[in-house]
C-alpha cells in the first residue's frame, strides 16, 4: 500500500511543479465535459487570470473536448442513455509563466489523417487577420456533411492562440487502422 501512496504523492508533486491546471485521461461525453468545464472555470478564476485569457483558454478547452466527443475513434458507447457518445481521449492544461499550454490527444481512424492534416496545415501559416476572415467565411458557409459543427473549432483555437497550432499523428503499431492525434495550442 505504501508504494501506491508514494506513486500518488509523486504524481501530485510533478503536477504542482509543472503548474498543471487540469488533466483528464479517460472518457469524454457532453455531460462529462459540462462537469469538467465547471472545474476548469473555477481553476482559471482562482489562478487570477484576466477575463480575455480565461475566455480564450475556456473556449479552446471546449473545442478540444468537443473534438474528442465527436471524432475519437474509441467509443465506449455511441448513444449512452440518449446522452450522446462517450469517447476516449486525454487533455491537459498547464501554465508556463504568462503562457498556457493545452494539449489534447485522442485516437482517430487512420484513413482520416490526410483530411485532418489538410485542415490544420494551412492554419500554421495564416496571419491572425486571415484566420479571422476564414472564421467569418465559415460562419456563412454550409456545414460540411462529415462535420459535427460548422468547421469553426480549429479556426477558433488558431484565432485565440499566441502561436501556431501544433499537431502530430502517431500510428498505433498494434492497430494500423487507428492513429493517435495530438493537438497543442498555446494561449
Protein backbone atom coordinates (compact mmCIF):
# COMPACT_ATOMS: atom_id res chain seq x y z
CA UNK A 1 0.00 0.00 0.00
CA UNK A 2 2.87 2.37 0.75
CA UNK A 3 4.19 2.12 -2.83
CA UNK A 4 0.81 3.22 -4.20
CA UNK A 5 0.74 6.20 -1.85
CA UNK A 6 4.30 7.12 -2.85
CA UNK A 7 3.38 7.00 -6.56
CA UNK A 8 0.34 9.22 -6.00
CA UNK A 9 2.45 11.66 -3.99
CA UNK A 10 4.98 11.77 -6.86
CA UNK A 11 2.23 12.49 -9.39
CA UNK A 12 0.85 15.28 -7.20
CA UNK A 13 4.31 16.84 -6.83
CA UNK A 14 5.04 16.63 -10.57
CA UNK A 15 1.64 18.21 -11.32
CA UNK A 16 2.32 21.02 -8.83
CA UNK A 17 5.84 21.66 -10.15
CA UNK A 18 4.63 21.82 -13.75
CA UNK A 19 1.75 24.15 -12.88
CA UNK A 20 -0.87 21.66 -14.01
CA UNK A 21 -4.27 23.37 -14.03
CA UNK A 22 -6.33 20.49 -15.41
CA UNK A 23 -5.74 16.95 -16.60
CA UNK A 24 -8.13 14.21 -17.67
CA UNK A 25 -7.43 10.94 -19.40
CA UNK A 26 -10.36 8.70 -19.96
CA UNK A 27 -13.80 9.06 -21.40
CA UNK A 28 -15.45 12.27 -22.57
CA UNK A 29 -19.14 12.90 -23.23
CA UNK A 30 -21.27 16.02 -23.32
CA UNK A 31 -22.24 15.59 -19.66
CA UNK A 32 -18.67 14.82 -18.57
CA UNK A 33 -17.41 17.89 -20.46
CA UNK A 34 -20.10 20.02 -18.78
CA UNK A 35 -18.91 18.87 -15.35
CA UNK A 36 -15.24 19.34 -16.26
CA UNK A 37 -15.96 22.82 -17.61
CA UNK A 38 -17.11 23.93 -14.15
CA UNK A 39 -13.80 22.75 -12.69
CA UNK A 40 -11.79 24.47 -15.44
CA UNK A 41 -13.72 27.75 -14.98
CA UNK A 42 -13.06 27.68 -11.24
CA UNK A 43 -9.36 26.82 -11.69
CA UNK A 44 -8.89 29.69 -14.15
CA UNK A 45 -10.67 32.11 -11.86
CA UNK A 46 -8.66 31.03 -8.80
CA UNK A 47 -5.46 31.41 -10.85
CA UNK A 48 -6.33 35.11 -11.17
CA UNK A 49 -6.16 35.21 -14.96
CA UNK A 50 -7.59 38.16 -16.86
CA UNK A 51 -11.05 37.83 -18.39
CA UNK A 52 -9.81 37.68 -22.00
CA UNK A 53 -7.23 34.99 -21.15
CA UNK A 54 -9.81 32.92 -19.24
CA UNK A 55 -12.20 33.19 -22.20
CA UNK A 56 -9.58 32.03 -24.69
CA UNK A 57 -8.47 29.09 -22.54
CA UNK A 58 -12.04 28.06 -21.78
CA UNK A 59 -13.07 28.35 -25.43
CA UNK A 60 -10.14 26.17 -26.50
CA UNK A 61 -10.95 23.69 -23.71
CA UNK A 62 -14.48 23.34 -25.09
CA UNK A 63 -13.25 22.97 -28.69
CA UNK A 64 -10.67 20.33 -27.74
CA UNK A 65 -13.23 18.43 -25.66
CA UNK A 66 -15.80 18.54 -28.45
CA UNK A 67 -13.17 17.21 -30.84
CA UNK A 68 -12.78 14.15 -28.61
CA UNK A 69 -16.55 13.68 -28.12
CA UNK A 70 -17.28 13.94 -31.84
CA UNK A 71 -14.25 12.40 -33.52
CA UNK A 72 -12.40 9.99 -31.22
CA UNK A 73 -12.50 6.56 -32.83
CA UNK A 74 -12.55 4.79 -29.45
CA UNK A 75 -16.16 4.90 -28.33
CA UNK A 76 -17.31 3.29 -25.11
CA UNK A 77 -20.83 3.94 -26.32
CA UNK A 78 -22.30 5.81 -29.28
CA UNK A 79 -25.52 6.92 -27.61
CA UNK A 80 -25.10 6.31 -23.90
CA UNK A 81 -28.60 6.53 -22.40
CA UNK A 82 -29.54 9.05 -25.13
CA UNK A 83 -26.93 11.45 -23.67
CA UNK A 84 -24.58 11.16 -26.63
CA UNK A 85 -21.32 9.45 -27.39
CA UNK A 86 -18.80 8.51 -24.72
CA UNK A 87 -15.35 8.51 -26.31
CA UNK A 88 -11.78 8.20 -25.12
CA UNK A 89 -9.15 10.91 -25.08
CA UNK A 90 -6.86 12.98 -22.88
CA UNK A 91 -6.46 16.68 -22.21
CA UNK A 92 -4.03 18.74 -20.21
CA UNK A 93 -3.91 22.45 -19.35
CA UNK A 94 -0.78 23.84 -17.70
CA UNK A 95 0.71 27.25 -17.01
CA UNK A 96 4.19 28.33 -18.08
CA UNK A 97 4.62 31.86 -16.80
CA UNK A 98 2.17 34.03 -18.74
CA UNK A 99 1.53 31.31 -21.35
CA UNK A 100 -0.93 28.46 -21.04
CA UNK A 101 -0.29 25.21 -22.82
CA UNK A 102 -3.21 23.00 -23.84
CA UNK A 103 -2.64 19.51 -25.24
CA UNK A 104 -5.29 17.08 -26.41
CA UNK A 105 -4.85 13.52 -27.68
CA UNK A 106 -7.35 11.01 -29.00
CA UNK A 107 -7.45 8.04 -31.34
CA UNK A 108 -8.76 8.61 -34.85
CA UNK A 109 -9.26 6.38 -37.87
CA UNK A 110 -6.02 6.25 -39.86
CA UNK A 111 -7.96 6.97 -43.07
CA UNK A 112 -8.90 10.39 -41.60
CA UNK A 113 -5.29 11.56 -41.09
CA UNK A 114 -4.80 13.23 -44.50
CA UNK A 115 -8.11 15.15 -44.30
CA UNK A 116 -7.26 16.37 -40.82
CA UNK A 117 -3.75 17.37 -41.87
CA UNK A 118 -5.22 19.33 -44.83
CA UNK A 119 -7.47 21.28 -42.44
CA UNK A 120 -4.74 22.06 -39.92
CA UNK A 121 -1.63 22.70 -42.02
CA UNK A 122 -2.88 25.95 -43.66
CA UNK A 123 -3.67 27.43 -40.22
CA UNK A 124 0.01 27.25 -39.29
CA UNK A 125 0.99 29.85 -41.89
CA UNK A 126 -2.07 32.13 -41.78
CA UNK A 127 -1.93 35.56 -40.17
CA UNK A 128 -4.42 36.43 -37.46
CA UNK A 129 -6.32 38.56 -39.97
CA UNK A 130 -6.50 35.66 -42.42
CA UNK A 131 -7.75 33.38 -39.63
CA UNK A 132 -10.44 35.91 -38.68
CA UNK A 133 -11.52 36.20 -42.32
CA UNK A 134 -11.67 32.40 -42.70
CA UNK A 135 -13.73 32.27 -39.49
CA UNK A 136 -16.25 34.76 -40.90
CA UNK A 137 -16.47 32.82 -44.16
CA UNK A 138 -17.03 29.57 -42.25
CA UNK A 139 -19.88 31.16 -40.29
CA UNK A 140 -21.66 31.89 -43.56
CA UNK A 141 -20.82 28.58 -45.27
CA UNK A 142 -22.88 25.41 -45.15
CA UNK A 143 -21.78 22.86 -42.59
CA UNK A 144 -19.76 20.07 -44.27
CA UNK A 145 -21.70 16.80 -44.27
CA UNK A 146 -18.98 14.92 -42.33
CA UNK A 147 -18.67 17.69 -39.72
CA UNK A 148 -20.45 17.83 -36.38
CA UNK A 149 -20.29 21.65 -36.45
CA UNK A 150 -19.61 24.46 -38.87
CA UNK A 151 -15.88 23.67 -39.01
CA UNK A 152 -15.08 26.52 -36.65
CA UNK A 153 -13.23 24.64 -33.91
CA UNK A 154 -9.71 24.77 -35.33
CA UNK A 155 -10.24 28.35 -36.53
CA UNK A 156 -11.42 29.38 -33.06
CA UNK A 157 -8.35 27.85 -31.43
CA UNK A 158 -5.99 29.31 -34.04
CA UNK A 159 -7.58 32.76 -33.57
CA UNK A 160 -7.14 32.62 -29.78
CA UNK A 161 -3.64 31.10 -29.77
CA UNK A 162 -0.46 33.09 -29.25
CA UNK A 163 1.50 30.72 -31.52
CA UNK A 164 0.57 28.47 -34.46
CA UNK A 165 -1.30 25.28 -33.56
CA UNK A 166 0.95 22.25 -33.37
CA UNK A 167 -0.23 18.77 -34.26
CA UNK A 168 1.15 15.29 -34.74
CA UNK A 169 -0.08 11.85 -35.74
CA UNK A 170 1.22 8.69 -34.10
CA UNK A 171 0.26 5.46 -35.89
CA UNK A 172 -0.56 2.64 -33.50
CA UNK A 173 1.63 -0.37 -34.12
CA UNK A 174 -0.88 -2.72 -32.52
CA UNK A 175 -3.77 -1.36 -34.62
CA UNK A 176 -2.85 0.02 -38.08
CA UNK A 177 -6.41 1.31 -38.60
CA UNK A 178 -6.02 3.67 -35.62
CA UNK A 179 -3.75 6.71 -35.26
CA UNK A 180 -3.30 8.89 -32.18
CA UNK A 181 -3.95 12.55 -32.98
CA UNK A 182 -2.24 15.12 -30.78
CA UNK A 183 -3.09 18.83 -30.91
CA UNK A 184 -1.32 21.57 -28.94
CA UNK A 185 -2.28 25.21 -28.55
CA UNK A 186 -0.62 27.97 -26.55
CA UNK A 187 -2.75 30.79 -25.15
